[in-house]
C-alpha atoms as a PDB file:
ATOM      1  CA  UNK A   1      20.457   5.222   2.354  1.00  0.00           C
ATOM      2  CA  UNK A   2      19.769   2.920   5.322  1.00  0.00           C
ATOM      3  CA  UNK A   3      20.474  -0.749   5.276  1.00  0.00           C
ATOM      4  CA  UNK A   4      16.681  -1.270   5.445  1.00  0.00           C
ATOM      5  CA  UNK A   5      16.188   0.696   2.205  1.00  0.00           C
ATOM      6  CA  UNK A   6      19.137  -1.028   0.480  1.00  0.00           C
ATOM      7  CA  UNK A   7      17.658  -4.432   1.352  1.00  0.00           C
ATOM      8  CA  UNK A   8      14.111  -3.431   0.089  1.00  0.00           C
ATOM      9  CA  UNK A   9      15.577  -2.142  -3.134  1.00  0.00           C
ATOM     10  CA  UNK A  10      17.742  -5.117  -3.738  1.00  0.00           C
ATOM     11  CA  UNK A  11      14.783  -7.579  -2.875  1.00  0.00           C
ATOM     12  CA  UNK A  12      12.356  -5.865  -5.303  1.00  0.00           C
ATOM     13  CA  UNK A  13      14.940  -4.841  -8.100  1.00  0.00           C
ATOM     14  CA  UNK A  14      15.673  -8.521  -8.521  1.00  0.00           C
ATOM     15  CA  UNK A  15      12.031  -9.340  -8.950  1.00  0.00           C
ATOM     16  CA  UNK A  16      10.734  -6.360 -10.782  1.00  0.00           C
ATOM     17  CA  UNK A  17      10.898  -7.662 -14.340  1.00  0.00           C
ATOM     18  CA  UNK A  18       8.690 -10.765 -13.762  1.00  0.00           C
ATOM     19  CA  UNK A  19       6.663  -9.450 -10.813  1.00  0.00           C
ATOM     20  CA  UNK A  20       3.382  -9.198 -12.612  1.00  0.00           C
ATOM     21  CA  UNK A  21       3.766 -12.616 -14.346  1.00  0.00           C
ATOM     22  CA  UNK A  22       4.311 -14.310 -11.031  1.00  0.00           C
ATOM     23  CA  UNK A  23       0.974 -12.996  -9.744  1.00  0.00           C
ATOM     24  CA  UNK A  24      -1.317 -12.705 -12.888  1.00  0.00           C
ATOM     25  CA  UNK A  25      -4.532 -13.317 -11.089  1.00  0.00           C
ATOM     26  CA  UNK A  26      -4.469 -10.683  -8.467  1.00  0.00           C
ATOM     27  CA  UNK A  27      -6.279  -7.856 -10.393  1.00  0.00           C
ATOM     28  CA  UNK A  28      -9.853  -8.690  -9.119  1.00  0.00           C
ATOM     29  CA  UNK A  29      -8.478  -8.664  -5.548  1.00  0.00           C
ATOM     30  CA  UNK A  30      -6.920  -5.317  -6.033  1.00  0.00           C
ATOM     31  CA  UNK A  31     -10.031  -3.893  -7.592  1.00  0.00           C
ATOM     32  CA  UNK A  32     -12.262  -5.200  -4.616  1.00  0.00           C
ATOM     33  CA  UNK A  33      -9.888  -3.684  -2.035  1.00  0.00           C
ATOM     34  CA  UNK A  34      -9.845  -0.282  -3.861  1.00  0.00           C
ATOM     35  CA  UNK A  35     -13.638  -0.427  -3.857  1.00  0.00           C
ATOM     36  CA  UNK A  36     -13.749  -0.730  -0.063  1.00  0.00           C
ATOM     37  CA  UNK A  37     -11.777   2.523   0.284  1.00  0.00           C
ATOM     38  CA  UNK A  38     -15.012   4.312  -0.757  1.00  0.00           C
ATOM     39  CA  UNK A  39     -13.273   6.810  -3.060  1.00  0.00           C
ATOM     40  CA  UNK A  40     -15.335   9.343  -4.935  1.00  0.00           C
ATOM     41  CA  UNK A  41     -14.812  11.294  -8.108  1.00  0.00           C
ATOM     42  CA  UNK A  42     -12.181  13.975  -7.601  1.00  0.00           C
ATOM     43  CA  UNK A  43     -10.612  12.364  -4.580  1.00  0.00           C
ATOM     44  CA  UNK A  44      -6.751  12.319  -4.090  1.00  0.00           C
ATOM     45  CA  UNK A  45      -5.147   9.134  -3.348  1.00  0.00           C
ATOM     46  CA  UNK A  46      -1.647   7.728  -2.760  1.00  0.00           C
ATOM     47  CA  UNK A  47      -0.620   4.133  -3.614  1.00  0.00           C
ATOM     48  CA  UNK A  48       2.320   3.829  -1.021  1.00  0.00           C
ATOM     49  CA  UNK A  49       4.906   1.291  -2.083  1.00  0.00           C
ATOM     50  CA  UNK A  50       3.032   1.010  -5.468  1.00  0.00           C
ATOM     51  CA  UNK A  51       5.583  -1.478  -6.950  1.00  0.00           C
ATOM     52  CA  UNK A  52       4.644  -2.182 -10.572  1.00  0.00           C
ATOM     53  CA  UNK A  53       1.389  -0.066 -10.145  1.00  0.00           C
ATOM     54  CA  UNK A  54      -1.167  -2.873 -10.134  1.00  0.00           C
ATOM     55  CA  UNK A  55      -3.487  -0.793  -7.953  1.00  0.00           C
ATOM     56  CA  UNK A  56      -3.218   2.321 -10.176  1.00  0.00           C
ATOM     57  CA  UNK A  57      -5.908   1.397 -12.777  1.00  0.00           C
ATOM     58  CA  UNK A  58      -8.585   0.670 -10.174  1.00  0.00           C
ATOM     59  CA  UNK A  59      -7.668   3.849  -8.172  1.00  0.00           C
ATOM     60  CA  UNK A  60      -7.968   5.811 -11.244  1.00  0.00           C
ATOM     61  CA  UNK A  61     -11.362   4.423 -12.119  1.00  0.00           C
ATOM     62  CA  UNK A  62     -12.470   5.151  -8.655  1.00  0.00           C
ATOM     63  CA  UNK A  63     -11.460   8.846  -8.462  1.00  0.00           C
ATOM     64  CA  UNK A  64     -12.202   9.590 -12.221  1.00  0.00           C
ATOM     65  CA  UNK A  65     -10.341  12.016 -14.520  1.00  0.00           C
ATOM     66  CA  UNK A  66     -10.733  14.842 -12.017  1.00  0.00           C
ATOM     67  CA  UNK A  67      -9.106  12.904  -9.196  1.00  0.00           C
ATOM     68  CA  UNK A  68      -5.429  12.604  -8.376  1.00  0.00           C
ATOM     69  CA  UNK A  69      -3.573   9.289  -8.261  1.00  0.00           C
ATOM     70  CA  UNK A  70       0.031   9.129  -7.160  1.00  0.00           C
ATOM     71  CA  UNK A  71       2.120   6.061  -6.959  1.00  0.00           C
ATOM     72  CA  UNK A  72       5.175   6.151  -4.728  1.00  0.00           C
ATOM     73  CA  UNK A  73       7.948   3.481  -4.555  1.00  0.00           C
ATOM     74  CA  UNK A  74      11.486   3.254  -3.325  1.00  0.00           C
ATOM     75  CA  UNK A  75      12.683   0.911  -6.100  1.00  0.00           C
ATOM     76  CA  UNK A  76      13.425   2.405  -9.515  1.00  0.00           C
ATOM     77  CA  UNK A  77      13.113  -0.985 -11.232  1.00  0.00           C
ATOM     78  CA  UNK A  78       9.547  -1.388  -9.941  1.00  0.00           C
ATOM     79  CA  UNK A  79       8.518   2.035 -11.247  1.00  0.00           C
ATOM     80  CA  UNK A  80      10.068   1.185 -14.591  1.00  0.00           C
ATOM     81  CA  UNK A  81       8.067  -1.957 -14.833  1.00  0.00           C
ATOM     82  CA  UNK A  82       4.912   0.122 -14.008  1.00  0.00           C
ATOM     83  CA  UNK A  83       5.815   2.361 -16.923  1.00  0.00           C
ATOM     84  CA  UNK A  84       6.342  -0.611 -19.241  1.00  0.00           C
ATOM     85  CA  UNK A  85       2.906  -1.876 -18.234  1.00  0.00           C
ATOM     86  CA  UNK A  86       1.451   1.548 -19.159  1.00  0.00           C
ATOM     87  CA  UNK A  87       0.119   2.143 -15.642  1.00  0.00           C
ATOM     88  CA  UNK A  88       1.801   5.553 -15.513  1.00  0.00           C
ATOM     89  CA  UNK A  89      -1.206   6.657 -17.646  1.00  0.00           C
ATOM     90  CA  UNK A  90      -3.397   5.963 -14.550  1.00  0.00           C
ATOM     91  CA  UNK A  91      -1.247   7.947 -12.135  1.00  0.00           C
ATOM     92  CA  UNK A  92       1.892  10.032 -11.308  1.00  0.00           C
ATOM     93  CA  UNK A  93       4.752   7.846 -10.372  1.00  0.00           C
ATOM     94  CA  UNK A  94       7.272   9.100  -7.786  1.00  0.00           C
ATOM     95  CA  UNK A  95      10.535   7.621  -6.736  1.00  0.00           C
ATOM     96  CA  UNK A  96       9.965   8.321  -2.987  1.00  0.00           C
ATOM     97  CA  UNK A  97      10.313   6.867   0.449  1.00  0.00           C
ATOM     98  CA  UNK A  98       7.080   6.546   2.503  1.00  0.00           C
ATOM     99  CA  UNK A  99       9.258   7.652   5.610  1.00  0.00           C
ATOM    100  CA  UNK A 100       9.603  11.110   3.946  1.00  0.00           C
ATOM    101  CA  UNK A 101       6.896  11.773   1.375  1.00  0.00           C
ATOM    102  CA  UNK A 102       7.270  14.850  -0.828  1.00  0.00           C
ATOM    103  CA  UNK A 103       3.539  15.686  -0.296  1.00  0.00           C
ATOM    104  CA  UNK A 104       1.695  18.466   1.565  1.00  0.00           C
ATOM    105  CA  UNK A 105       0.319  17.690   4.949  1.00  0.00           C
ATOM    106  CA  UNK A 106      -3.418  16.715   4.800  1.00  0.00           C
ATOM    107  CA  UNK A 107      -3.348  16.863   1.022  1.00  0.00           C
ATOM    108  CA  UNK A 108      -4.846  13.381   0.347  1.00  0.00           C
ATOM    109  CA  UNK A 109      -8.225  11.614   0.898  1.00  0.00           C
ATOM    110  CA  UNK A 110      -6.823   8.122   1.079  1.00  0.00           C
ATOM    111  CA  UNK A 111      -3.680   5.878   1.069  1.00  0.00           C
ATOM    112  CA  UNK A 112      -3.568   2.321  -0.430  1.00  0.00           C
ATOM    113  CA  UNK A 113      -0.730   0.144   0.649  1.00  0.00           C
ATOM    114  CA  UNK A 114      -0.505  -3.329  -0.821  1.00  0.00           C
ATOM    115  CA  UNK A 115       2.042  -5.598   0.818  1.00  0.00           C
ATOM    116  CA  UNK A 116       3.500  -2.547   2.501  1.00  0.00           C
ATOM    117  CA  UNK A 117       3.640  -2.909   6.138  1.00  0.00           C
ATOM    118  CA  UNK A 118       5.986  -5.926   6.351  1.00  0.00           C
ATOM    119  CA  UNK A 119       8.522  -3.739   4.422  1.00  0.00           C
ATOM    120  CA  UNK A 120       8.373  -0.674   6.584  1.00  0.00           C
ATOM    121  CA  UNK A 121      11.668  -0.113   8.453  1.00  0.00           C
ATOM    122  CA  UNK A 122      10.056   1.910  11.204  1.00  0.00           C
ATOM    123  CA  UNK A 123       6.341   0.936  11.127  1.00  0.00           C
ATOM    124  CA  UNK A 124       5.167   3.318  13.773  1.00  0.00           C
ATOM    125  CA  UNK A 125       6.953   6.324  12.249  1.00  0.00           C
ATOM    126  CA  UNK A 126       6.142   5.326   8.624  1.00  0.00           C
ATOM    127  CA  UNK A 127       2.409   4.967   9.407  1.00  0.00           C
ATOM    128  CA  UNK A 128       2.614   8.393  11.156  1.00  0.00           C
ATOM    129  CA  UNK A 129       4.113   9.816   7.947  1.00  0.00           C
ATOM    130  CA  UNK A 130       1.163   8.362   5.926  1.00  0.00           C
ATOM    131  CA  UNK A 131      -1.185   9.977   8.461  1.00  0.00           C
ATOM    132  CA  UNK A 132       0.503  13.260   8.086  1.00  0.00           C
ATOM    133  CA  UNK A 133      -0.440  13.472   4.325  1.00  0.00           C
ATOM    134  CA  UNK A 134      -4.018  12.393   4.731  1.00  0.00           C
ATOM    135  CA  UNK A 135      -6.799  14.768   5.817  1.00  0.00           C
ATOM    136  CA  UNK A 136      -8.740  13.898   9.105  1.00  0.00           C
ATOM    137  CA  UNK A 137     -11.357  11.362   8.286  1.00  0.00           C
ATOM    138  CA  UNK A 138      -9.394  10.019   5.378  1.00  0.00           C
ATOM    139  CA  UNK A 139      -8.777   6.344   4.880  1.00  0.00           C
ATOM    140  CA  UNK A 140      -5.782   3.910   4.954  1.00  0.00           C
ATOM    141  CA  UNK A 141      -6.076   0.454   3.291  1.00  0.00           C
ATOM    142  CA  UNK A 142      -3.315  -2.043   4.216  1.00  0.00           C
ATOM    143  CA  UNK A 143      -3.923  -4.851   1.610  1.00  0.00           C
ATOM    144  CA  UNK A 144      -2.528  -8.178   0.482  1.00  0.00           C
ATOM    145  CA  UNK A 145      -4.201 -10.418  -2.239  1.00  0.00           C
ATOM    146  CA  UNK A 146      -3.910 -13.401   0.155  1.00  0.00           C
ATOM    147  CA  UNK A 147      -4.174 -13.678   3.843  1.00  0.00           C
ATOM    148  CA  UNK A 148      -1.406 -14.049   6.453  1.00  0.00           C
ATOM    149  CA  UNK A 149      -1.634 -17.894   6.641  1.00  0.00           C
ATOM    150  CA  UNK A 150      -1.643 -18.484   2.839  1.00  0.00           C
ATOM    151  CA  UNK A 151       1.167 -15.993   2.450  1.00  0.00           C
ATOM    152  CA  UNK A 152       3.247 -17.789   5.118  1.00  0.00           C
ATOM    153  CA  UNK A 153       2.573 -21.136   3.485  1.00  0.00           C
ATOM    154  CA  UNK A 154       3.587 -19.706   0.176  1.00  0.00           C
ATOM    155  CA  UNK A 155       6.976 -18.593   1.591  1.00  0.00           C
ATOM    156  CA  UNK A 156       7.478 -21.845   3.388  1.00  0.00           C
ATOM    157  CA  UNK A 157       7.175 -20.434   7.098  1.00  0.00           C
ATOM    158  CA  UNK A 158       4.701 -20.371   9.870  1.00  0.00           C
ATOM    159  CA  UNK A 159       2.492 -17.439  11.029  1.00  0.00           C
ATOM    160  CA  UNK A 160       4.165 -15.989  14.128  1.00  0.00           C
ATOM    161  CA  UNK A 161       2.471 -13.946  17.029  1.00  0.00           C
ATOM    162  CA  UNK A 162       4.880 -11.168  16.321  1.00  0.00           C
ATOM    163  CA  UNK A 163       3.403 -10.621  12.848  1.00  0.00           C
ATOM    164  CA  UNK A 164       2.642  -6.920  12.562  1.00  0.00           C
ATOM    165  CA  UNK A 165      -0.476  -7.740  10.567  1.00  0.00           C
ATOM    166  CA  UNK A 166      -2.013  -9.855  13.395  1.00  0.00           C
ATOM    167  CA  UNK A 167      -5.029  -7.762  14.616  1.00  0.00           C
ATOM    168  CA  UNK A 168      -3.739  -7.555  18.216  1.00  0.00           C
ATOM    169  CA  UNK A 169      -0.410  -6.119  16.899  1.00  0.00           C
ATOM    170  CA  UNK A 170      -1.916  -3.900  14.093  1.00  0.00           C
ATOM    171  CA  UNK A 171      -4.724  -2.188  16.086  1.00  0.00           C
ATOM    172  CA  UNK A 172      -2.412  -0.570  18.673  1.00  0.00           C
ATOM    173  CA  UNK A 173       0.212   0.038  16.021  1.00  0.00           C
ATOM    174  CA  UNK A 174      -2.294   2.176  13.948  1.00  0.00           C
ATOM    175  CA  UNK A 175      -3.868   3.799  17.024  1.00  0.00           C
ATOM    176  CA  UNK A 176      -0.483   5.093  18.130  1.00  0.00           C
ATOM    177  CA  UNK A 177       0.298   6.445  14.598  1.00  0.00           C
ATOM    178  CA  UNK A 178      -2.721   8.565  14.075  1.00  0.00           C
ATOM    179  CA  UNK A 179      -5.197   5.940  12.705  1.00  0.00           C
ATOM    180  CA  UNK A 180      -8.359   4.249  14.069  1.00  0.00           C
ATOM    181  CA  UNK A 181      -9.041   0.656  12.696  1.00  0.00           C
ATOM    182  CA  UNK A 182     -12.346   0.478  11.063  1.00  0.00           C
ATOM    183  CA  UNK A 183     -12.336  -3.160   9.783  1.00  0.00           C
ATOM    184  CA  UNK A 184     -10.093  -6.178   9.659  1.00  0.00           C
ATOM    185  CA  UNK A 185     -10.239  -9.083   7.324  1.00  0.00           C
ATOM    186  CA  UNK A 186      -7.656 -11.951   7.309  1.00  0.00           C
ATOM    187  CA  UNK A 187      -8.859 -14.857   5.049  1.00  0.00           C
ATOM    188  CA  UNK A 188      -7.105 -17.146   2.657  1.00  0.00           C
ATOM    189  CA  UNK A 189      -7.910 -15.087  -0.326  1.00  0.00           C
ATOM    190  CA  UNK A 190      -7.282 -11.609   1.075  1.00  0.00           C
ATOM    191  CA  UNK A 191      -5.946  -9.447   3.836  1.00  0.00           C
ATOM    192  CA  UNK A 192      -7.540  -6.009   4.249  1.00  0.00           C
ATOM    193  CA  UNK A 193      -7.273  -3.598   7.274  1.00  0.00           C
ATOM    194  CA  UNK A 194      -9.047  -0.280   6.909  1.00  0.00           C
ATOM    195  CA  UNK A 195      -8.263   2.558   9.128  1.00  0.00           C
ATOM    196  CA  UNK A 196      -9.480   6.133   9.471  1.00  0.00           C
ATOM    197  CA  UNK A 197      -7.258   9.131  10.036  1.00  0.00           C
ATOM    198  CA  UNK A 198      -7.891  10.428  13.532  1.00  0.00           C
ATOM    199  CA  UNK A 199      -8.839  14.181  13.967  1.00  0.00           C
END
């Protein structure tokens, strides 16, 4: 396992048990972001870096009982927290690295990634892997329940021009990884970038 993976696992393992209680009011923001994916009954969707599975209930509601919901995460403790919260009823949980997903090419309609991009060890390659598993015209949502400035303030730091989530950085990153940015919102109460899988 690479040092990047070890660091991510250590970071989230230490926080898994109380993750949901630290952010108890994020549910409506997750539901609103999922709604913007435009999922339909029967669609197949991946929650990449699903953590404790907070997006799984709205994803299941969007695709209905005939749809497929998969939550993939690198950290066993986060997946265990998702099971304790009962969210495994809303989707299949996979212990998997988004750099090498055990999924067929073009098998999904959408990918949802909450807080994902800042934890990717090789953002361009990892976004290309997400594009691989999505059909042409499928959608990627990069989401955070608060915007970049609010998150930086929470963490006691400043927003920097190098931030991957800044639109001037994110747009070409997505474009070079098989995605075309469709919309971008960075406000105090949410961050949401939607992209479409290029043909």
